[in-house]
């Protein structure tokens, strides 16, 4: 295994030297296989990962039905939470709102009439119960009485009163659910990007088909560099000791510190993956926002809590023992039994004394 790795390393040797010079770690400064070089509080490069820049939250809006989009607003700058960013089929929504008000009024009148009739029945029942036997014989109307009948009537009255309070609340709640699909509002403070071309004339109707994208909004309160880590040796490291750096074309880099990790669905394979999120500082938010949706390469670094030793992999693999061993752990046990492996990087083994 180490012989195969050695061949691949030697083939890519110019790249390895270029990478080492870029990070200020020239290969000649790395210890040979038989020497130890303690390094205290120095960050160690581990490997490069495919990464993405993501905001705190993101949400996309699509057309709920075929129709006309209106009431869009300028997307420059930040947009406040609950601001209307677009309306779909505004005339139809307004008509449904008017129909709702008429229905609520009719239902309220009907329930009040029902309540009034039940209260009238209860009054007659109480009046009849208060009459003497002789007076009841001459009563023009003799409603069914009794304690059970009176209690049942009281319960019906209480039920109608509760229904009366819901005459307005329930249909309005249902309408708001429908309205949320057609009147699009910012779910949080953040930035807005429309996914359609604006007509040159504002008076021109903008027609879109159902499921067409309308807008994407993001919560710009925080931005993260995110990578997926599958190597169990890396997942065992304290995540707070890791950070990411995305090199930029101007020679600078976006540096993210560990924020959290979580299991996410892998959209390509359908399985699960362990995603690490590294928070970017506020001063980098503008650059991060410009990189949303684009793929980039991030370099993972390890900040050891104490003194570590860095052993060059090429020199280890070139040693006589390296030709016999099938793993770095086996080679380390033979050549440096007093050392334990912390993590295997792209070009170095990071070890410490036992």
Protein backbone atom coordinates (compact mmCIF):
# COMPACT_ATOMS: atom_id res chain seq x y z
CA UNK A 1 0.00 0.00 0.00
CA UNK A 2 2.80 2.43 0.92
CA UNK A 3 4.70 1.56 -2.27
CA UNK A 4 1.64 2.47 -4.35
CA UNK A 5 1.19 5.69 -2.36
CA UNK A 6 4.89 6.49 -2.82
CA UNK A 7 4.63 6.18 -6.62
CA UNK A 8 1.60 8.48 -6.73
CA UNK A 9 3.37 10.99 -4.49
CA UNK A 10 6.54 10.99 -6.59
CA UNK A 11 4.49 11.48 -9.76
CA UNK A 12 2.84 14.49 -8.20
CA UNK A 13 6.03 15.67 -6.49
CA UNK A 14 6.13 19.12 -8.22
CA UNK A 15 2.59 19.77 -7.00
CA UNK A 16 3.54 18.70 -3.49
CA UNK A 17 6.48 21.13 -3.46
CA UNK A 18 4.32 23.94 -4.83
CA UNK A 19 1.69 23.28 -2.18
CA UNK A 20 4.32 23.19 0.57
CA UNK A 21 5.81 26.51 -0.53
CA UNK A 22 2.34 28.04 -0.63
CA UNK A 23 1.83 27.18 3.02
CA UNK A 24 5.34 28.03 4.18
CA UNK A 25 6.26 24.40 4.78
CA UNK A 26 9.03 23.54 2.32
CA UNK A 27 9.68 19.83 2.13
CA UNK A 28 13.33 20.17 3.19
CA UNK A 29 12.19 21.60 6.49
CA UNK A 30 10.14 18.48 7.26
CA UNK A 31 11.95 15.85 9.36
CA UNK A 32 13.19 12.68 7.74
CA UNK A 33 11.87 9.27 8.69
CA UNK A 34 14.32 8.85 11.55
CA UNK A 35 14.01 12.25 13.16
CA UNK A 36 11.42 13.95 15.32
CA UNK A 37 10.54 17.63 15.13
CA UNK A 38 8.24 18.78 17.94
CA UNK A 39 5.96 21.64 16.91
CA UNK A 40 3.97 23.52 19.55
CA UNK A 41 0.75 25.41 18.81
CA UNK A 42 1.23 25.32 15.02
CA UNK A 43 -1.68 24.66 12.67
CA UNK A 44 -1.39 21.49 10.58
CA UNK A 45 -2.75 21.18 7.06
CA UNK A 46 -4.85 18.02 6.69
CA UNK A 47 -6.42 17.87 3.24
CA UNK A 48 -8.50 19.68 0.62
CA UNK A 49 -12.26 19.18 0.38
CA UNK A 50 -15.03 20.14 -1.99
CA UNK A 51 -16.97 22.83 -0.17
CA UNK A 52 -19.91 25.18 -0.49
CA UNK A 53 -20.80 28.56 1.00
CA UNK A 54 -24.25 28.55 2.60
CA UNK A 55 -26.26 31.17 4.53
CA UNK A 56 -27.93 30.73 7.90
CA UNK A 57 -31.22 29.84 6.19
CA UNK A 58 -32.43 29.80 2.61
CA UNK A 59 -35.87 29.45 1.04
CA UNK A 60 -37.15 29.33 -2.52
CA UNK A 61 -40.60 30.38 -3.76
CA UNK A 62 -42.36 28.92 -6.81
CA UNK A 63 -45.61 29.69 -8.60
CA UNK A 64 -48.49 27.90 -6.80
CA UNK A 65 -50.52 28.00 -10.04
CA UNK A 66 -50.50 29.52 -13.51
CA UNK A 67 -51.00 33.25 -13.17
CA UNK A 68 -49.79 36.81 -12.99
CA UNK A 69 -47.03 38.03 -10.67
CA UNK A 70 -47.25 41.56 -9.28
CA UNK A 71 -46.17 43.74 -6.34
CA UNK A 72 -42.50 42.81 -6.54
CA UNK A 73 -40.11 45.18 -4.83
CA UNK A 74 -36.53 46.33 -5.51
CA UNK A 75 -34.14 43.60 -4.41
CA UNK A 76 -31.21 45.87 -3.60
CA UNK A 77 -30.00 45.79 -0.01
CA UNK A 78 -31.66 43.94 2.83
CA UNK A 79 -35.36 43.17 3.00
CA UNK A 80 -37.17 43.08 6.31
CA UNK A 81 -39.14 40.11 7.61
CA UNK A 82 -42.84 39.95 6.50
CA UNK A 83 -42.29 42.40 3.62
CA UNK A 84 -44.36 41.40 0.56
CA UNK A 85 -41.94 40.42 -2.20
CA UNK A 86 -44.53 39.31 -4.79
CA UNK A 87 -48.22 38.54 -5.24
CA UNK A 88 -49.65 35.84 -7.49
CA UNK A 89 -53.10 36.35 -9.04
CA UNK A 90 -53.86 39.40 -6.90
CA UNK A 91 -57.37 39.93 -8.36
CA UNK A 92 -58.42 36.36 -7.58
CA UNK A 93 -57.09 36.61 -4.03
CA UNK A 94 -59.03 39.85 -3.50
CA UNK A 95 -62.22 38.22 -4.78
CA UNK A 96 -61.74 35.27 -2.44
CA UNK A 97 -61.24 37.71 0.44
CA UNK A 98 -64.56 39.43 -0.34
CA UNK A 99 -66.35 36.09 -0.61
CA UNK A 100 -64.89 35.16 2.77
CA UNK A 101 -66.25 38.31 4.43
CA UNK A 102 -69.72 37.64 3.01
CA UNK A 103 -69.64 34.02 4.18
CA UNK A 104 -68.49 35.04 7.68
CA UNK A 105 -71.34 37.56 7.92
CA UNK A 106 -73.95 34.99 6.82
CA UNK A 107 -72.64 32.34 9.22
CA UNK A 108 -72.55 34.82 12.09
CA UNK A 109 -76.19 35.86 11.51
CA UNK A 110 -77.30 32.22 11.25
CA UNK A 111 -75.56 31.28 14.51
CA UNK A 112 -76.98 34.28 16.35
CA UNK A 113 -80.49 33.33 15.20
CA UNK A 114 -79.91 29.73 16.31
CA UNK A 115 -78.64 30.93 19.70
CA UNK A 116 -81.59 33.27 20.13
CA UNK A 117 -84.04 30.44 19.39
CA UNK A 118 -82.39 28.11 21.90
CA UNK A 119 -82.34 30.82 24.62
CA UNK A 120 -86.02 31.44 23.94
CA UNK A 121 -86.77 27.73 24.36
CA UNK A 122 -84.86 27.70 27.65
CA UNK A 123 -86.84 30.69 28.97
CA UNK A 124 -90.13 29.01 28.05
CA UNK A 125 -89.02 25.80 29.74
CA UNK A 126 -88.08 27.67 32.92
CA UNK A 127 -91.36 29.61 32.85
CA UNK A 128 -93.41 26.44 32.41
CA UNK A 129 -91.54 24.74 35.25
CA UNK A 130 -92.37 27.65 37.58
CA UNK A 131 -96.17 27.29 37.02
CA UNK A 132 -98.45 25.46 39.43
CA UNK A 133 -100.28 22.35 38.27
CA UNK A 134 -103.51 24.33 37.74
CA UNK A 135 -101.68 27.03 35.74
CA UNK A 136 -100.02 24.44 33.52
CA UNK A 137 -103.46 23.06 32.49
CA UNK A 138 -104.41 26.44 31.05
CA UNK A 139 -100.99 27.16 29.44
CA UNK A 140 -101.27 27.53 25.65
CA UNK A 141 -97.90 25.85 25.09
CA UNK A 142 -96.48 23.06 27.12
CA UNK A 143 -92.81 22.47 26.28
CA UNK A 144 -91.12 19.29 27.36
CA UNK A 145 -89.62 19.98 30.75
CA UNK A 146 -87.62 18.22 33.35
CA UNK A 147 -84.13 18.64 34.69
CA UNK A 148 -82.47 16.54 31.93
CA UNK A 149 -84.21 18.42 29.15
CA UNK A 150 -83.22 21.76 30.66
CA UNK A 151 -79.57 20.66 31.08
CA UNK A 152 -79.45 19.40 27.49
CA UNK A 153 -80.76 22.72 26.24
CA UNK A 154 -78.15 24.62 28.25
CA UNK A 155 -75.37 22.49 26.73
CA UNK A 156 -76.69 23.20 23.23
CA UNK A 157 -76.60 26.93 24.01
CA UNK A 158 -72.97 26.72 25.19
CA UNK A 159 -72.05 24.78 22.07
CA UNK A 160 -73.60 27.37 19.75
CA UNK A 161 -71.80 30.16 21.65
CA UNK A 162 -68.45 28.43 21.05
CA UNK A 163 -69.32 27.88 17.41
CA UNK A 164 -70.15 31.58 17.15
CA UNK A 165 -66.64 32.51 18.29
CA UNK A 166 -65.23 30.20 15.59
CA UNK A 167 -67.40 31.56 12.80
CA UNK A 168 -64.70 34.12 12.05
CA UNK A 169 -61.51 32.54 13.37
CA UNK A 170 -61.56 29.19 11.56
CA UNK A 171 -62.26 30.43 8.00
CA UNK A 172 -59.78 33.29 8.40
CA UNK A 173 -57.08 30.82 9.47
CA UNK A 174 -57.81 28.62 6.46
CA UNK A 175 -57.75 31.67 4.16
CA UNK A 176 -54.39 32.79 5.56
CA UNK A 177 -52.94 29.38 4.66
CA UNK A 178 -54.16 29.85 1.10
CA UNK A 179 -53.02 33.47 1.06
CA UNK A 180 -49.49 32.45 2.10
CA UNK A 181 -49.17 30.54 -1.16
CA UNK A 182 -50.21 33.54 -3.27
CA UNK A 183 -48.89 36.50 -1.25
CA UNK A 184 -45.18 35.88 -0.76
CA UNK A 185 -43.52 37.46 2.27
CA UNK A 186 -39.95 37.48 3.53
CA UNK A 187 -39.76 34.74 6.19
CA UNK A 188 -36.79 36.50 7.86
CA UNK A 189 -34.55 39.53 7.50
CA UNK A 190 -32.15 38.97 4.64
CA UNK A 191 -31.40 39.29 0.97
CA UNK A 192 -33.69 38.64 -1.97
CA UNK A 193 -32.99 37.45 -5.49
CA UNK A 194 -35.74 37.21 -8.10
CA UNK A 195 -35.62 34.29 -10.51
CA UNK A 196 -37.46 35.97 -13.40
CA UNK A 197 -36.75 38.82 -15.81
CA UNK A 198 -38.55 42.05 -15.04
CA UNK A 199 -40.71 43.55 -17.82
CA UNK A 200 -39.41 46.84 -19.18
CA UNK A 201 -42.78 48.47 -18.60
CA UNK A 202 -44.12 48.18 -15.02
CA UNK A 203 -47.69 48.25 -16.36
CA UNK A 204 -47.06 45.04 -18.32
CA UNK A 205 -48.42 41.90 -16.69
CA UNK A 206 -45.86 39.22 -15.90
CA UNK A 207 -47.30 35.76 -16.55
CA UNK A 208 -45.57 32.62 -15.24
CA UNK A 209 -46.47 28.95 -15.39
CA UNK A 210 -47.15 26.84 -12.31
CA UNK A 211 -43.99 25.67 -10.45
CA UNK A 212 -41.86 28.36 -12.13
CA UNK A 213 -39.29 29.86 -9.75
CA UNK A 214 -40.19 33.28 -8.39
CA UNK A 215 -37.52 34.16 -5.85
CA UNK A 216 -34.83 32.85 -3.52
CA UNK A 217 -34.29 34.51 -0.14
CA UNK A 218 -31.51 33.95 2.36
CA UNK A 219 -30.96 34.84 5.98
CA UNK A 220 -27.71 36.80 5.85
CA UNK A 221 -27.18 36.92 9.61
CA UNK A 222 -24.51 34.22 9.21
CA UNK A 223 -22.61 32.43 6.45
CA UNK A 224 -20.80 29.09 6.63
CA UNK A 225 -18.30 27.00 4.69
CA UNK A 226 -19.60 23.44 4.74
CA UNK A 227 -17.84 20.18 3.88
CA UNK A 228 -18.62 16.49 4.27
CA UNK A 229 -16.17 14.41 6.34
CA UNK A 230 -16.24 10.63 6.04
CA UNK A 231 -12.78 9.74 7.40
CA UNK A 232 -13.32 8.27 10.90
CA UNK A 233 -9.89 9.52 12.00
CA UNK A 234 -10.97 13.09 11.24
CA UNK A 235 -14.40 12.72 12.86
CA UNK A 236 -12.67 11.64 16.09
CA UNK A 237 -10.78 14.92 16.31
CA UNK A 238 -12.32 17.62 18.53
CA UNK A 239 -14.24 19.70 15.94
CA UNK A 240 -13.29 22.91 17.77
CA UNK A 241 -9.66 22.21 16.80
CA UNK A 242 -10.49 22.36 13.06
CA UNK A 243 -10.90 25.29 10.71
CA UNK A 244 -11.31 25.80 6.96
CA UNK A 245 -9.66 28.19 4.54
CA UNK A 246 -10.94 28.85 1.01
CA UNK A 247 -8.16 30.39 -1.16
CA UNK A 248 -9.27 33.34 -3.31
CA UNK A 249 -7.87 34.53 -6.63
CA UNK A 250 -6.49 37.72 -5.07
CA UNK A 251 -4.25 35.74 -2.72
CA UNK A 252 -6.49 36.15 0.32
CA UNK A 253 -8.68 33.44 1.83
CA UNK A 254 -12.03 32.98 3.53
CA UNK A 255 -11.39 31.47 6.96
CA UNK A 256 -14.18 29.73 8.84
CA UNK A 257 -14.16 28.50 12.43
CA UNK A 258 -16.12 25.44 13.50
CA UNK A 259 -19.77 26.16 14.37
CA UNK A 260 -21.66 22.83 14.36
CA UNK A 261 -22.07 19.52 12.57
CA UNK A 262 -25.13 17.51 11.60
CA UNK A 263 -26.23 14.51 9.56
CA UNK A 264 -27.76 15.44 6.21
CA UNK A 265 -29.23 13.58 3.26
CA UNK A 266 -26.90 13.02 0.33
CA UNK A 267 -28.89 14.24 -2.66
CA UNK A 268 -26.73 12.31 -5.14
CA UNK A 269 -26.57 8.89 -3.44
CA UNK A 270 -29.64 9.09 -1.22
CA UNK A 271 -27.70 8.10 1.90
CA UNK A 272 -26.60 10.15 4.89
CA UNK A 273 -23.47 12.25 5.26
CA UNK A 274 -21.84 14.09 8.13
CA UNK A 275 -21.66 17.79 7.30
CA UNK A 276 -19.37 20.19 9.17
CA UNK A 277 -20.21 23.91 9.20
CA UNK A 278 -17.54 26.57 9.73
CA UNK A 279 -18.76 30.11 10.46
CA UNK A 280 -17.33 33.06 8.53
CA UNK A 281 -16.69 36.41 10.27
CA UNK A 282 -19.16 39.28 9.55
CA UNK A 283 -16.60 41.21 7.52
CA UNK A 284 -16.60 38.36 4.97
CA UNK A 285 -20.40 38.23 4.51
CA UNK A 286 -20.41 40.23 1.27
CA UNK A 287 -17.81 38.00 -0.37
CA UNK A 288 -19.56 34.91 0.95
CA UNK A 289 -22.92 36.03 -0.45
CA UNK A 290 -21.37 36.48 -3.89
CA UNK A 291 -20.20 32.84 -3.76
CA UNK A 292 -23.57 31.27 -2.88
CA UNK A 293 -24.38 28.31 -5.11
CA UNK A 294 -20.84 27.93 -6.43
CA UNK A 295 -18.52 25.03 -5.71
CA UNK A 296 -15.13 25.77 -4.19
CA UNK A 297 -12.16 24.01 -2.62
CA UNK A 298 -11.51 24.41 1.09
CA UNK A 299 -8.37 23.39 2.98
CA UNK A 300 -8.88 21.76 6.35
CA UNK A 301 -6.46 22.63 9.15
CA UNK A 302 -5.96 21.12 12.58
CA UNK A 303 -4.91 23.24 15.56
CA UNK A 304 -3.40 20.76 18.05
CA UNK A 305 -3.99 21.55 21.73
CA UNK A 306 -0.40 20.71 22.60
CA UNK A 307 2.95 19.72 21.12
CA UNK A 308 2.86 17.44 18.07
CA UNK A 309 5.43 15.98 15.66
CA UNK A 310 5.03 16.15 11.89
CA UNK A 311 6.52 13.30 9.81
CA UNK A 312 6.84 13.60 6.04
CA UNK A 313 4.98 10.80 4.25
CA UNK A 314 7.26 10.61 1.22
CA UNK A 315 10.35 10.09 3.36
CA UNK A 316 8.55 7.55 5.52
CA UNK A 317 7.38 5.61 2.47
CA UNK A 318 10.93 5.75 0.99
CA UNK A 319 12.50 4.11 4.05
CA UNK A 320 13.30 0.35 4.02
CA UNK A 321 10.53 -0.27 6.57
CA UNK A 322 8.07 1.64 4.37
CA UNK A 323 8.44 -0.96 1.62
CA UNK A 324 7.33 -3.71 3.99
CA UNK A 325 4.39 -2.11 5.85
CA UNK A 326 0.81 -2.05 4.60
CA UNK A 327 -0.41 0.93 6.68
CA UNK A 328 0.90 4.13 8.22
CA UNK A 329 -0.04 2.84 11.66
CA UNK A 330 2.07 -0.30 11.16
CA UNK A 331 5.00 1.77 9.87
CA UNK A 332 4.76 4.16 12.80
CA UNK A 333 4.73 1.31 15.31
CA UNK A 334 7.94 -0.13 13.79
CA UNK A 335 9.87 3.10 13.33
CA UNK A 336 8.56 5.18 16.24
CA UNK A 337 7.01 2.91 18.89
CA UNK A 338 7.07 5.82 21.35
CA UNK A 339 4.72 7.87 19.16
CA UNK A 340 0.98 7.64 18.52
CA UNK A 341 -0.84 8.75 15.38
CA UNK A 342 -3.12 11.76 15.81
CA UNK A 343 -4.23 12.20 12.21
CA UNK A 344 -2.95 11.38 8.74
CA UNK A 345 -2.73 14.44 6.52
CA UNK A 346 -2.24 14.72 2.78
CA UNK A 347 1.56 15.05 3.00
CA UNK A 348 2.33 14.47 6.70
CA UNK A 349 1.57 12.25 9.65
CA UNK A 350 0.65 14.28 12.71
CA UNK A 351 1.84 12.34 15.77
CA UNK A 352 2.56 12.92 19.44
CA UNK A 353 4.49 11.16 22.14
CA UNK A 354 2.62 8.47 24.03
